[in-house]
Amino acid sequence: LKWDISRPLKIMDEILIAKTQIGNGLSKKSIENKNVRVQYRIGGEKLRLKNTTKSKTVKQLFQERGVLPWKRDSFPMIYVNGGLIAIPGICIDIAYAAADDEPSWKIVWSGYEKAIES
């Protein structure tokens, strides 16, 4: 689904919202005038995180965060120009992460708590 990040997006019975903040989110500047899409995992996707030298697979990230196995294929992920840049509540690729003093988007998915082991 194409997403105008300034507006909530209804996905099935859940909502994806981007809230404006400073730092610690998705850099507004990095996605300005770019094609933002939301889609589910395909398999084999990777992200490079802050403070790591290697990238991690979505599978590894989901396991580390306790995403329930039956919820993994329906967890929305954010793509820009065809590349994975963020997983709501999980992580943001270092190339798209906002600096501490930079305007950013905090991506919130209403289904997050239902997808995580308690």
PDB file of N, CA and C in Angstrom:
ATOM      1  N   LEU A   1       0.831  -1.188   0.000  1.00  0.00           N
ATOM      2  CA  LEU A   1       0.000   0.000   0.000  1.00  0.00           C
ATOM      3  C   LEU A   1       0.875   1.250   0.000  1.00  0.00           C
ATOM      4  N   LYS A   2       0.532   2.186  -0.844  1.00  0.00           N
ATOM      5  CA  LYS A   2       1.217   3.473  -0.815  1.00  0.00           C
ATOM      6  C   LYS A   2       0.729   4.222   0.418  1.00  0.00           C
ATOM      7  N   TRP A   3       1.655   4.939   1.103  1.00  0.00           N
ATOM      8  CA  TRP A   3       1.274   5.609   2.347  1.00  0.00           C
ATOM      9  C   TRP A   3       1.714   7.057   2.355  1.00  0.00           C
ATOM     10  N   ASP A   4       0.737   7.948   2.528  1.00  0.00           N
ATOM     11  CA  ASP A   4       1.017   9.351   2.829  1.00  0.00           C
ATOM     12  C   ASP A   4       1.256   9.370   4.332  1.00  0.00           C
ATOM     13  N   ILE A   5       2.523   9.403   4.719  1.00  0.00           N
ATOM     14  CA  ILE A   5       2.925   9.211   6.118  1.00  0.00           C
ATOM     15  C   ILE A   5       2.313  10.247   7.069  1.00  0.00           C
ATOM     16  N   SER A   6       1.834  11.352   6.533  1.00  0.00           N
ATOM     17  CA  SER A   6       1.222  12.373   7.392  1.00  0.00           C
ATOM     18  C   SER A   6      -0.212  12.014   7.784  1.00  0.00           C
ATOM     19  N   ARG A   7      -0.743  10.928   7.238  1.00  0.00           N
ATOM     20  CA  ARG A   7      -2.109  10.495   7.544  1.00  0.00           C
ATOM     21  C   ARG A   7      -2.122   9.060   8.077  1.00  0.00           C
ATOM     22  N   PRO A   8      -3.038   8.749   8.995  1.00  0.00           N
ATOM     23  CA  PRO A   8      -3.148   7.366   9.479  1.00  0.00           C
ATOM     24  C   PRO A   8      -3.499   6.427   8.319  1.00  0.00           C
ATOM     25  N   LEU A   9      -3.025   5.199   8.412  1.00  0.00           N
ATOM     26  CA  LEU A   9      -3.317   4.186   7.396  1.00  0.00           C
ATOM     27  C   LEU A   9      -3.968   2.994   8.064  1.00  0.00           C
ATOM     28  N   LYS A  10      -5.172   2.645   7.607  1.00  0.00           N
ATOM     29  CA  LYS A  10      -5.870   1.480   8.154  1.00  0.00           C
ATOM     30  C   LYS A  10      -5.410   0.248   7.382  1.00  0.00           C
ATOM     31  N   ILE A  11      -4.927  -0.750   8.135  1.00  0.00           N
ATOM     32  CA  ILE A  11      -4.489  -2.013   7.556  1.00  0.00           C
ATOM     33  C   ILE A  11      -5.267  -3.107   8.268  1.00  0.00           C
ATOM     34  N   MET A  12      -6.113  -3.763   7.517  1.00  0.00           N
ATOM     35  CA  MET A  12      -7.005  -4.771   8.075  1.00  0.00           C
ATOM     36  C   MET A  12      -7.761  -4.129   9.242  1.00  0.00           C
ATOM     37  N   ASP A  13      -7.638  -4.636  10.450  1.00  0.00           N
ATOM     38  CA  ASP A  13      -8.368  -4.053  11.573  1.00  0.00           C
ATOM     39  C   ASP A  13      -7.483  -3.184  12.461  1.00  0.00           C
ATOM     40  N   GLU A  14      -6.326  -2.802  11.985  1.00  0.00           N
ATOM     41  CA  GLU A  14      -5.370  -2.023  12.774  1.00  0.00           C
ATOM     42  C   GLU A  14      -5.048  -0.709  12.060  1.00  0.00           C
ATOM     43  N   ILE A  15      -4.363   0.191  12.787  1.00  0.00           N
ATOM     44  CA  ILE A  15      -4.017   1.506  12.246  1.00  0.00           C
ATOM     45  C   ILE A  15      -2.517   1.744  12.391  1.00  0.00           C
ATOM     46  N   LEU A  16      -1.931   2.318  11.355  1.00  0.00           N
ATOM     47  CA  LEU A  16      -0.531   2.721  11.360  1.00  0.00           C
ATOM     48  C   LEU A  16      -0.509   4.247  11.366  1.00  0.00           C
ATOM     49  N   ILE A  17       0.193   4.819  12.341  1.00  0.00           N
ATOM     50  CA  ILE A  17       0.225   6.273  12.518  1.00  0.00           C
ATOM     51  C   ILE A  17       1.677   6.732  12.625  1.00  0.00           C
ATOM     52  N   ALA A  18       1.966   7.888  12.037  1.00  0.00           N
ATOM     53  CA  ALA A  18       3.280   8.508  12.173  1.00  0.00           C
ATOM     54  C   ALA A  18       3.100   9.785  12.990  1.00  0.00           C
ATOM     55  N   LYS A  19       3.795   9.843  14.130  1.00  0.00           N
ATOM     56  CA  LYS A  19       3.712  11.002  15.014  1.00  0.00           C
ATOM     57  C   LYS A  19       4.987  11.824  14.884  1.00  0.00           C
ATOM     58  N   THR A  20       4.835  13.135  14.806  1.00  0.00           N
ATOM     59  CA  THR A  20       5.982  14.032  14.704  1.00  0.00           C
ATOM     60  C   THR A  20       6.703  14.128  16.035  1.00  0.00           C
ATOM     61  N   GLN A  21       8.014  14.088  15.989  1.00  0.00           N
ATOM     62  CA  GLN A  21       8.843  14.255  17.191  1.00  0.00           C
ATOM     63  C   GLN A  21      10.227  14.740  16.756  1.00  0.00           C
ATOM     64  N   ILE A  22      11.112  14.887  17.714  1.00  0.00           N
ATOM     65  CA  ILE A  22      12.501  15.257  17.435  1.00  0.00           C
ATOM     66  C   ILE A  22      13.386  14.079  17.843  1.00  0.00           C
ATOM     67  N   GLY A  23      14.218  13.630  16.898  1.00  0.00           N
ATOM     68  CA  GLY A  23      15.143  12.524  17.167  1.00  0.00           C
ATOM     69  C   GLY A  23      14.442  11.203  17.404  1.00  0.00           C
ATOM     70  N   ASN A  24      15.243  10.146  17.528  1.00  0.00           N
ATOM     71  CA  ASN A  24      14.767   8.806  17.887  1.00  0.00           C
ATOM     72  C   ASN A  24      13.573   8.341  17.062  1.00  0.00           C
ATOM     73  N   GLY A  25      13.647   8.504  15.766  1.00  0.00           N
ATOM     74  CA  GLY A  25      12.574   8.052  14.888  1.00  0.00           C
ATOM     75  C   GLY A  25      13.076   7.987  13.465  1.00  0.00           C
ATOM     76  N   LEU A  26      12.152   7.989  12.544  1.00  0.00           N
ATOM     77  CA  LEU A  26      12.441   7.954  11.127  1.00  0.00           C
ATOM     78  C   LEU A  26      12.675   9.392  10.657  1.00  0.00           C
ATOM     79  N   SER A  27      13.851   9.654  10.129  1.00  0.00           N
ATOM     80  CA  SER A  27      14.214  11.000   9.689  1.00  0.00           C
ATOM     81  C   SER A  27      13.231  11.515   8.639  1.00  0.00           C
ATOM     82  N   LYS A  28      12.625  12.660   8.909  1.00  0.00           N
ATOM     83  CA  LYS A  28      11.703  13.253   7.942  1.00  0.00           C
ATOM     84  C   LYS A  28      12.447  13.605   6.652  1.00  0.00           C
ATOM     85  N   LYS A  29      13.638  14.144   6.810  1.00  0.00           N
ATOM     86  CA  LYS A  29      14.437  14.565   5.656  1.00  0.00           C
ATOM     87  C   LYS A  29      14.786  13.385   4.745  1.00  0.00           C
ATOM     88  N   SER A  30      15.052  12.224   5.335  1.00  0.00           N
ATOM     89  CA  SER A  30      15.486  11.067   4.546  1.00  0.00           C
ATOM     90  C   SER A  30      14.397  10.485   3.661  1.00  0.00           C
ATOM     91  N   ILE A  31      13.130  10.760   3.976  1.00  0.00           N
ATOM     92  CA  ILE A  31      12.043  10.199   3.162  1.00  0.00           C
ATOM     93  C   ILE A  31      11.249  11.269   2.411  1.00  0.00           C
ATOM     94  N   GLU A  32      11.673  12.502   2.554  1.00  0.00           N
ATOM     95  CA  GLU A  32      10.995  13.613   1.889  1.00  0.00           C
ATOM     96  C   GLU A  32      10.952  13.377   0.381  1.00  0.00           C
ATOM     97  N   ASN A  33       9.767  13.540  -0.202  1.00  0.00           N
ATOM     98  CA  ASN A  33       9.558  13.382  -1.644  1.00  0.00           C
ATOM     99  C   ASN A  33       9.896  11.987  -2.166  1.00  0.00           C
ATOM    100  N   LYS A  34       9.779  10.986  -1.319  1.00  0.00           N
ATOM    101  CA  LYS A  34      10.054   9.614  -1.743  1.00  0.00           C
ATOM    102  C   LYS A  34       8.779   8.781  -1.655  1.00  0.00           C
ATOM    103  N   ASN A  35       8.766   7.689  -2.375  1.00  0.00           N
ATOM    104  CA  ASN A  35       7.626   6.785  -2.427  1.00  0.00           C
ATOM    105  C   ASN A  35       7.637   5.880  -1.194  1.00  0.00           C
ATOM    106  N   VAL A  36       6.771   6.171  -0.218  1.00  0.00           N
ATOM    107  CA  VAL A  36       6.678   5.383   1.010  1.00  0.00           C
ATOM    108  C   VAL A  36       5.561   4.356   0.835  1.00  0.00           C
ATOM    109  N   ARG A  37       5.911   3.098   1.114  1.00  0.00           N
ATOM    110  CA  ARG A  37       4.942   2.014   0.991  1.00  0.00           C
ATOM    111  C   ARG A  37       4.952   1.164   2.256  1.00  0.00           C
ATOM    112  N   VAL A  38       3.843   0.514   2.505  1.00  0.00           N
ATOM    113  CA  VAL A  38       3.723  -0.423   3.617  1.00  0.00           C
ATOM    114  C   VAL A  38       3.410  -1.780   3.005  1.00  0.00           C
ATOM    115  N   GLN A  39       4.179  -2.772   3.406  1.00  0.00           N
ATOM    116  CA  GLN A  39       3.905  -4.124   2.935  1.00  0.00           C
ATOM    117  C   GLN A  39       4.343  -5.136   3.977  1.00  0.00           C
ATOM    118  N   TYR A  40       3.975  -6.360   3.745  1.00  0.00           N
ATOM    119  CA  TYR A  40       4.338  -7.433   4.660  1.00  0.00           C
ATOM    120  C   TYR A  40       5.638  -8.072   4.209  1.00  0.00           C
ATOM    121  N   ARG A  41       6.190  -8.886   5.060  1.00  0.00           N
ATOM    122  CA  ARG A  41       7.484  -9.474   4.765  1.00  0.00           C
ATOM    123  C   ARG A  41       7.401 -10.458   3.611  1.00  0.00           C
ATOM    124  N   ILE A  42       8.509 -10.483   2.901  1.00  0.00           N
ATOM    125  CA  ILE A  42       8.643 -11.367   1.755  1.00  0.00           C
ATOM    126  C   ILE A  42       9.558 -12.526   2.142  1.00  0.00           C
ATOM    127  N   GLY A  43      10.589 -12.194   2.913  1.00  0.00           N
ATOM    128  CA  GLY A  43      11.585 -13.179   3.324  1.00  0.00           C
ATOM    129  C   GLY A  43      12.961 -12.726   2.869  1.00  0.00           C
ATOM    130  N   GLY A  44      13.923 -12.812   3.780  1.00  0.00           N
ATOM    131  CA  GLY A  44      15.295 -12.443   3.449  1.00  0.00           C
ATOM    132  C   GLY A  44      15.625 -10.969   3.610  1.00  0.00           C
ATOM    133  N   GLU A  45      14.662 -10.143   4.014  1.00  0.00           N
ATOM    134  CA  GLU A  45      14.934  -8.710   4.193  1.00  0.00           C
ATOM    135  C   GLU A  45      15.935  -8.502   5.327  1.00  0.00           C
ATOM    136  N   LYS A  46      16.739  -7.447   5.191  1.00  0.00           N
ATOM    137  CA  LYS A  46      17.720  -7.104   6.223  1.00  0.00           C
ATOM    138  C   LYS A  46      17.688  -5.612   6.489  1.00  0.00           C
ATOM    139  N   LEU A  47      18.097  -5.252   7.706  1.00  0.00           N
ATOM    140  CA  LEU A  47      18.250  -3.848   8.102  1.00  0.00           C
ATOM    141  C   LEU A  47      19.590  -3.700   8.806  1.00  0.00           C
ATOM    142  N   ARG A  48      20.198  -2.530   8.667  1.00  0.00           N
ATOM    143  CA  ARG A  48      21.418  -2.232   9.407  1.00  0.00           C
ATOM    144  C   ARG A  48      21.050  -1.251  10.514  1.00  0.00           C
ATOM    145  N   LEU A  49      21.361  -1.624  11.752  1.00  0.00           N
ATOM    146  CA  LEU A  49      20.951  -0.836  12.907  1.00  0.00           C
ATOM    147  C   LEU A  49      22.105  -0.027  13.470  1.00  0.00           C
ATOM    148  N   LYS A  50      21.759   0.979  14.265  1.00  0.00           N
ATOM    149  CA  LYS A  50      22.780   1.752  14.980  1.00  0.00           C
ATOM    150  C   LYS A  50      23.573   0.826  15.883  1.00  0.00           C
ATOM    151  N   ASN A  51      24.827   1.154  16.089  1.00  0.00           N
ATOM    152  CA  ASN A  51      25.716   0.423  17.008  1.00  0.00           C
ATOM    153  C   ASN A  51      25.951  -1.032  16.622  1.00  0.00           C
ATOM    154  N   THR A  52      25.773  -1.360  15.345  1.00  0.00           N
ATOM    155  CA  THR A  52      26.106  -2.706  14.889  1.00  0.00           C
ATOM    156  C   THR A  52      26.931  -2.601  13.612  1.00  0.00           C
ATOM    157  N   THR A  53      27.787  -3.554  13.404  1.00  0.00           N
ATOM    158  CA  THR A  53      28.600  -3.546  12.191  1.00  0.00           C
ATOM    159  C   THR A  53      27.959  -4.377  11.089  1.00  0.00           C
ATOM    160  N   LYS A  54      27.121  -5.329  11.475  1.00  0.00           N
ATOM    161  CA  LYS A  54      26.463  -6.191  10.501  1.00  0.00           C
ATOM    162  C   LYS A  54      24.968  -5.892  10.452  1.00  0.00           C
ATOM    163  N   SER A  55      24.384  -6.212   9.308  1.00  0.00           N
ATOM    164  CA  SER A  55      22.936  -6.075   9.212  1.00  0.00           C
ATOM    165  C   SER A  55      22.283  -7.297   9.858  1.00  0.00           C
ATOM    166  N   LYS A  56      20.997  -7.157  10.170  1.00  0.00           N
ATOM    167  CA  LYS A  56      20.242  -8.259  10.762  1.00  0.00           C
ATOM    168  C   LYS A  56      19.054  -8.560   9.878  1.00  0.00           C
ATOM    169  N   THR A  57      18.690  -9.822   9.835  1.00  0.00           N
ATOM    170  CA  THR A  57      17.505 -10.197   9.065  1.00  0.00           C
ATOM    171  C   THR A  57      16.256  -9.859   9.868  1.00  0.00           C
ATOM    172  N   VAL A  58      15.167  -9.707   9.155  1.00  0.00           N
ATOM    173  CA  VAL A  58      13.884  -9.471   9.814  1.00  0.00           C
ATOM    174  C   VAL A  58      13.573 -10.653  10.731  1.00  0.00           C
ATOM    175  N   LYS A  59      13.883 -11.850  10.290  1.00  0.00           N
ATOM    176  CA  LYS A  59      13.661 -13.036  11.112  1.00  0.00           C
ATOM    177  C   LYS A  59      14.388 -12.910  12.458  1.00  0.00           C
ATOM    178  N   GLN A  60      15.667 -12.505  12.431  1.00  0.00           N
ATOM    179  CA  GLN A  60      16.429 -12.328  13.681  1.00  0.00           C
ATOM    180  C   GLN A  60      15.797 -11.260  14.559  1.00  0.00           C
ATOM    181  N   LEU A  61      15.428 -10.135  13.961  1.00  0.00           N
ATOM    182  CA  LEU A  61      14.832  -9.032  14.717  1.00  0.00           C
ATOM    183  C   LEU A  61      13.514  -9.452  15.361  1.00  0.00           C
ATOM    184  N   PHE A  62      12.689 -10.167  14.620  1.00  0.00           N
ATOM    185  CA  PHE A  62      11.420 -10.647  15.162  1.00  0.00           C
ATOM    186  C   PHE A  62      11.653 -11.618  16.319  1.00  0.00           C
ATOM    187  N   GLN A  63      12.619 -12.510  16.176  1.00  0.00           N
ATOM    188  CA  GLN A  63      12.919 -13.459  17.253  1.00  0.00           C
ATOM    189  C   GLN A  63      13.412 -12.724  18.500  1.00  0.00           C
ATOM    190  N   GLU A  64      14.316 -11.752  18.317  1.00  0.00           N
ATOM    191  CA  GLU A  64      14.861 -10.988  19.447  1.00  0.00           C
ATOM    192  C   GLU A  64      13.773 -10.213  20.185  1.00  0.00           C
ATOM    193  N   ARG A  65      12.800  -9.686  19.456  1.00  0.00           N
ATOM    194  CA  ARG A  65      11.737  -8.883  20.063  1.00  0.00           C
ATOM    195  C   ARG A  65      10.547  -9.694  20.536  1.00  0.00           C
ATOM    196  N   GLY A  66      10.548 -10.987  20.256  1.00  0.00           N
ATOM    197  CA  GLY A  66       9.445 -11.832  20.714  1.00  0.00           C
ATOM    198  C   GLY A  66       8.175 -11.694  19.899  1.00  0.00           C
ATOM    199  N   VAL A  67       8.317 -11.421  18.598  1.00  0.00           N
ATOM    200  CA  VAL A  67       7.132 -11.364  17.744  1.00  0.00           C
ATOM    201  C   VAL A  67       6.621 -12.794  17.575  1.00  0.00           C
ATOM    202  N   LEU A  68       5.359 -12.982  17.857  1.00  0.00           N
ATOM    203  CA  LEU A  68       4.745 -14.307  17.764  1.00  0.00           C
ATOM    204  C   LEU A  68       4.890 -14.859  16.343  1.00  0.00           C
ATOM    205  N   PRO A  69       5.310 -16.104  16.215  1.00  0.00           N
ATOM    206  CA  PRO A  69       5.554 -16.672  14.881  1.00  0.00           C
ATOM    207  C   PRO A  69       4.366 -16.548  13.923  1.00  0.00           C
ATOM    208  N   TRP A  70       3.143 -16.716  14.404  1.00  0.00           N
ATOM    209  CA  TRP A  70       1.977 -16.645  13.533  1.00  0.00           C
ATOM    210  C   TRP A  70       1.583 -15.211  13.191  1.00  0.00           C
ATOM    211  N   LYS A  71       2.237 -14.218  13.800  1.00  0.00           N
ATOM    212  CA  LYS A  71       1.960 -12.810  13.497  1.00  0.00           C
ATOM    213  C   LYS A  71       3.024 -12.197  12.575  1.00  0.00           C
ATOM    214  N   ARG A  72       4.120 -12.893  12.348  1.00  0.00           N
ATOM    215  CA  ARG A  72       5.252 -12.332  11.600  1.00  0.00           C
ATOM    216  C   ARG A  72       4.917 -11.965  10.160  1.00  0.00           C
ATOM    217  N   ASP A  73       4.096 -12.763   9.495  1.00  0.00           N
ATOM    218  CA  ASP A  73       3.774 -12.476   8.098  1.00  0.00           C
ATOM    219  C   ASP A  73       2.740 -11.370   7.931  1.00  0.00           C
ATOM    220  N   SER A  74       2.135 -10.922   9.025  1.00  0.00           N
ATOM    221  CA  SER A  74       1.149  -9.840   8.935  1.00  0.00           C
ATOM    222  C   SER A  74       1.612  -8.589   9.687  1.00  0.00           C
ATOM    223  N   PHE A  75       2.900  -8.510   9.981  1.00  0.00           N
ATOM    224  CA  PHE A  75       3.478  -7.349  10.655  1.00  0.00           C
ATOM    225  C   PHE A  75       3.838  -6.330   9.576  1.00  0.00           C
ATOM    226  N   PRO A  76       3.269  -5.112   9.602  1.00  0.00           N
ATOM    227  CA  PRO A  76       3.554  -4.143   8.534  1.00  0.00           C
ATOM    228  C   PRO A  76       4.992  -3.625   8.605  1.00  0.00           C
ATOM    229  N   MET A  77       5.576  -3.445   7.429  1.00  0.00           N
ATOM    230  CA  MET A  77       6.942  -2.926   7.352  1.00  0.00           C
ATOM    231  C   MET A  77       6.959  -1.754   6.372  1.00  0.00           C
ATOM    232  N   ILE A  78       7.829  -0.791   6.638  1.00  0.00           N
ATOM    233  CA  ILE A  78       7.877   0.441   5.861  1.00  0.00           C
ATOM    234  C   ILE A  78       9.010   0.354   4.835  1.00  0.00           C
ATOM    235  N   TYR A  79       8.674   0.656   3.588  1.00  0.00           N
ATOM    236  CA  TYR A  79       9.633   0.625   2.482  1.00  0.00           C
ATOM    237  C   TYR A  79       9.690   1.996   1.823  1.00  0.00           C
ATOM    238  N   VAL A  80      10.860   2.370   1.340  1.00  0.00           N
ATOM    239  CA  VAL A  80      11.023   3.588   0.550  1.00  0.00           C
ATOM    240  C   VAL A  80      11.745   3.194  -0.735  1.00  0.00           C
ATOM    241  N   ASN A  81      11.131   3.568  -1.846  1.00  0.00           N
ATOM    242  CA  ASN A  81      11.697   3.249  -3.161  1.00  0.00           C
ATOM    243  C   ASN A  81      12.104   1.779  -3.261  1.00  0.00           C
ATOM    244  N   GLY A  82      11.282   0.899  -2.709  1.00  0.00           N
ATOM    245  CA  GLY A  82      11.500  -0.535  -2.824  1.00  0.00           C
ATOM    246  C   GLY A  82      12.384  -1.172  -1.774  1.00  0.00           C
ATOM    247  N   GLY A  83      13.030  -0.376  -0.913  1.00  0.00           N
ATOM    248  CA  GLY A  83      13.903  -0.929   0.120  1.00  0.00           C
ATOM    249  C   GLY A  83      13.308  -0.814   1.510  1.00  0.00           C
ATOM    250  N   LEU A  84      13.494  -1.850   2.322  1.00  0.00           N
ATOM    251  CA  LEU A  84      12.986  -1.849   3.694  1.00  0.00           C
ATOM    252  C   LEU A  84      13.757  -0.831   4.532  1.00  0.00           C
ATOM    253  N   ILE A  85      13.009   0.054   5.223  1.00  0.00           N
ATOM    254  CA  ILE A  85      13.665   1.075   6.050  1.00  0.00           C
ATOM    255  C   ILE A  85      13.266   1.024   7.521  1.00  0.00           C
ATOM    256  N   ALA A  86      12.119   0.420   7.836  1.00  0.00           N
ATOM    257  CA  ALA A  86      11.676   0.415   9.233  1.00  0.00           C
ATOM    258  C   ALA A  86      10.624  -0.655   9.484  1.00  0.00           C
ATOM    259  N   ILE A  87      10.626  -1.136  10.734  1.00  0.00           N
ATOM    260  CA  ILE A  87       9.586  -2.039  11.222  1.00  0.00           C
ATOM    261  C   ILE A  87       9.021  -1.369  12.474  1.00  0.00           C
ATOM    262  N   PRO A  88       7.752  -0.951  12.446  1.00  0.00           N
ATOM    263  CA  PRO A  88       7.171  -0.207  13.572  1.00  0.00           C
ATOM    264  C   PRO A  88       7.360  -0.909  14.916  1.00  0.00           C
ATOM    265  N   GLY A  89       7.901  -0.176  15.881  1.00  0.00           N
ATOM    266  CA  GLY A  89       8.105  -0.697  17.218  1.00  0.00           C
ATOM    267  C   GLY A  89       9.331  -1.582  17.355  1.00  0.00           C
ATOM    268  N   ILE A  90       9.978  -1.913  16.248  1.00  0.00           N
ATOM    269  CA  ILE A  90      11.126  -2.816  16.266  1.00  0.00           C
ATOM    270  C   ILE A  90      12.424  -2.060  15.979  1.00  0.00           C
ATOM    271  N   CYS A  91      12.525  -1.438  14.790  1.00  0.00           N
ATOM    272  CA  CYS A  91      13.781  -0.768  14.436  1.00  0.00           C
ATOM    273  C   CYS A  91      13.641   0.091  13.185  1.00  0.00           C
ATOM    274  N   ILE A  92      14.688   0.892  12.976  1.00  0.00           N
ATOM    275  CA  ILE A  92      14.812   1.739  11.791  1.00  0.00           C
ATOM    276  C   ILE A  92      16.210   1.513  11.232  1.00  0.00           C
ATOM    277  N   ASP A  93      16.307   1.384   9.913  1.00  0.00           N
ATOM    278  CA  ASP A  93      17.615   1.247   9.279  1.00  0.00           C
ATOM    279  C   ASP A  93      18.443   2.499   9.552  1.00  0.00           C
ATOM    280  N   ILE A  94      19.733   2.301   9.800  1.00  0.00           N
ATOM    281  CA  ILE A  94      20.623   3.410  10.169  1.00  0.00           C
ATOM    282  C   ILE A  94      20.617   4.540   9.131  1.00  0.00           C
ATOM    283  N   ALA A  95      20.428   4.204   7.863  1.00  0.00           N
ATOM    284  CA  ALA A  95      20.417   5.219   6.806  1.00  0.00           C
ATOM    285  C   ALA A  95      19.197   6.136   6.894  1.00  0.00           C
ATOM    286  N   TYR A  96      18.163   5.713   7.619  1.00  0.00           N
ATOM    287  CA  TYR A  96      16.928   6.493   7.733  1.00  0.00           C
ATOM    288  C   TYR A  96      16.634   6.947   9.161  1.00  0.00           C
ATOM    289  N   ALA A  97      17.516   6.639  10.083  1.00  0.00           N
ATOM    290  CA  ALA A  97      17.309   7.015  11.481  1.00  0.00           C
ATOM    291  C   ALA A  97      17.625   8.496  11.680  1.00  0.00           C
ATOM    292  N   ALA A  98      16.782   9.169  12.436  1.00  0.00           N
ATOM    293  CA  ALA A  98      16.974  10.602  12.719  1.00  0.00           C
ATOM    294  C   ALA A  98      18.083  10.817  13.741  1.00  0.00           C
ATOM    295  N   ALA A  99      18.805  11.908  13.577  1.00  0.00           N
ATOM    296  CA  ALA A  99      19.771  12.338  14.582  1.00  0.00           C
ATOM    297  C   ALA A  99      18.987  12.837  15.796  1.00  0.00           C
ATOM    298  N   ASP A 100      19.667  12.975  16.933  1.00  0.00           N
ATOM    299  CA  ASP A 100      18.998  13.365  18.186  1.00  0.00           C
ATOM    300  C   ASP A 100      18.234  14.680  18.102  1.00  0.00           C
ATOM    301  N   ASP A 101      18.691  15.614  17.265  1.00  0.00           N
ATOM    302  CA  ASP A 101      18.061  16.935  17.189  1.00  0.00           C
ATOM    303  C   ASP A 101      17.279  17.153  15.885  1.00  0.00           C
ATOM    304  N   GLU A 102      17.022  16.087  15.175  1.00  0.00           N
ATOM    305  CA  GLU A 102      16.397  16.173  13.855  1.00  0.00           C
ATOM    306  C   GLU A 102      14.897  15.870  13.902  1.00  0.00           C
ATOM    307  N   PRO A 103      14.080  16.595  13.118  1.00  0.00           N
ATOM    308  CA  PRO A 103      12.657  16.271  13.036  1.00  0.00           C
ATOM    309  C   PRO A 103      12.473  14.842  12.519  1.00  0.00           C
ATOM    310  N   SER A 104      11.556  14.113  13.151  1.00  0.00           N
ATOM    311  CA  SER A 104      11.378  12.716  12.781  1.00  0.00           C
ATOM    312  C   SER A 104       9.927  12.283  12.914  1.00  0.00           C
ATOM    313  N   TRP A 105       9.674  11.075  12.423  1.00  0.00           N
ATOM    314  CA  TRP A 105       8.385  10.420  12.560  1.00  0.00           C
ATOM    315  C   TRP A 105       8.554   9.228  13.491  1.00  0.00           C
ATOM    316  N   LYS A 106       7.695   9.102  14.472  1.00  0.00           N
ATOM    317  CA  LYS A 106       7.625   7.891  15.295  1.00  0.00           C
ATOM    318  C   LYS A 106       6.468   7.078  14.719  1.00  0.00           C
ATOM    319  N   ILE A 107       6.785   5.900  14.203  1.00  0.00           N
ATOM    320  CA  ILE A 107       5.765   5.063  13.582  1.00  0.00           C
ATOM    321  C   ILE A 107       5.155   4.149  14.648  1.00  0.00           C
ATOM    322  N   VAL A 108       3.843   4.217  14.781  1.00  0.00           N
ATOM    323  CA  VAL A 108       3.126   3.433  15.786  1.00  0.00           C
ATOM    324  C   VAL A 108       2.083   2.573  15.077  1.00  0.00           C
ATOM    325  N   TRP A 109       2.091   1.281  15.377  1.00  0.00           N
ATOM    326  CA  TRP A 109       1.113   0.352  14.817  1.00  0.00           C
ATOM    327  C   TRP A 109       0.227  -0.149  15.946  1.00  0.00           C
ATOM    328  N   SER A 110      -1.070  -0.020  15.802  1.00  0.00           N
ATOM    329  CA  SER A 110      -2.001  -0.404  16.865  1.00  0.00           C
ATOM    330  C   SER A 110      -1.991  -1.900  17.170  1.00  0.00           C
ATOM    331  N   GLY A 111      -1.515  -2.725  16.250  1.00  0.00           N
ATOM    332  CA  GLY A 111      -1.479  -4.170  16.470  1.00  0.00           C
ATOM    333  C   GLY A 111      -0.214  -4.674  17.114  1.00  0.00           C
ATOM    334  N   TYR A 112       0.697  -3.774  17.460  1.00  0.00           N
ATOM    335  CA  TYR A 112       2.001  -4.183  17.989  1.00  0.00           C
ATOM    336  C   TYR A 112       1.883  -5.074  19.226  1.00  0.00           C
ATOM    337  N   GLU A 113       1.142  -4.644  20.216  1.00  0.00           N
ATOM    338  CA  GLU A 113       1.037  -5.402  21.475  1.00  0.00           C
ATOM    339  C   GLU A 113       0.447  -6.802  21.257  1.00  0.00           C
ATOM    340  N   LYS A 114      -0.447  -6.936  20.300  1.00  0.00           N
ATOM    341  CA  LYS A 114      -1.054  -8.241  20.013  1.00  0.00           C
ATOM    342  C   LYS A 114      -0.074  -9.187  19.331  1.00  0.00           C
ATOM    343  N   ALA A 115       0.978  -8.637  18.720  1.00  0.00           N
ATOM    344  CA  ALA A 115       1.931  -9.447  17.960  1.00  0.00           C
ATOM    345  C   ALA A 115       3.152  -9.873  18.778  1.00  0.00           C
ATOM    346  N   ILE A 116       3.287  -9.335  20.000  1.00  0.00           N
ATOM    347  CA  ILE A 116       4.467  -9.590  20.824  1.00  0.00           C
ATOM    348  C   ILE A 116       4.122 -10.542  21.969  1.00  0.00           C
ATOM    349  N   GLU A 117       5.061 -11.454  22.249  1.00  0.00           N
ATOM    350  CA  GLU A 117       4.881 -12.357  23.400  1.00  0.00           C
ATOM    351  C   GLU A 117       4.829 -11.546  24.683  1.00  0.00           C
ATOM    352  N   SER A 118       3.911 -11.923  25.592  1.00  0.00           N
ATOM    353  CA  SER A 118       3.830 -11.174  26.858  1.00  0.00           C
ATOM    354  C   SER A 118       4.604 -11.859  27.944  1.00  0.00           C
TER     355      SER A 118
END
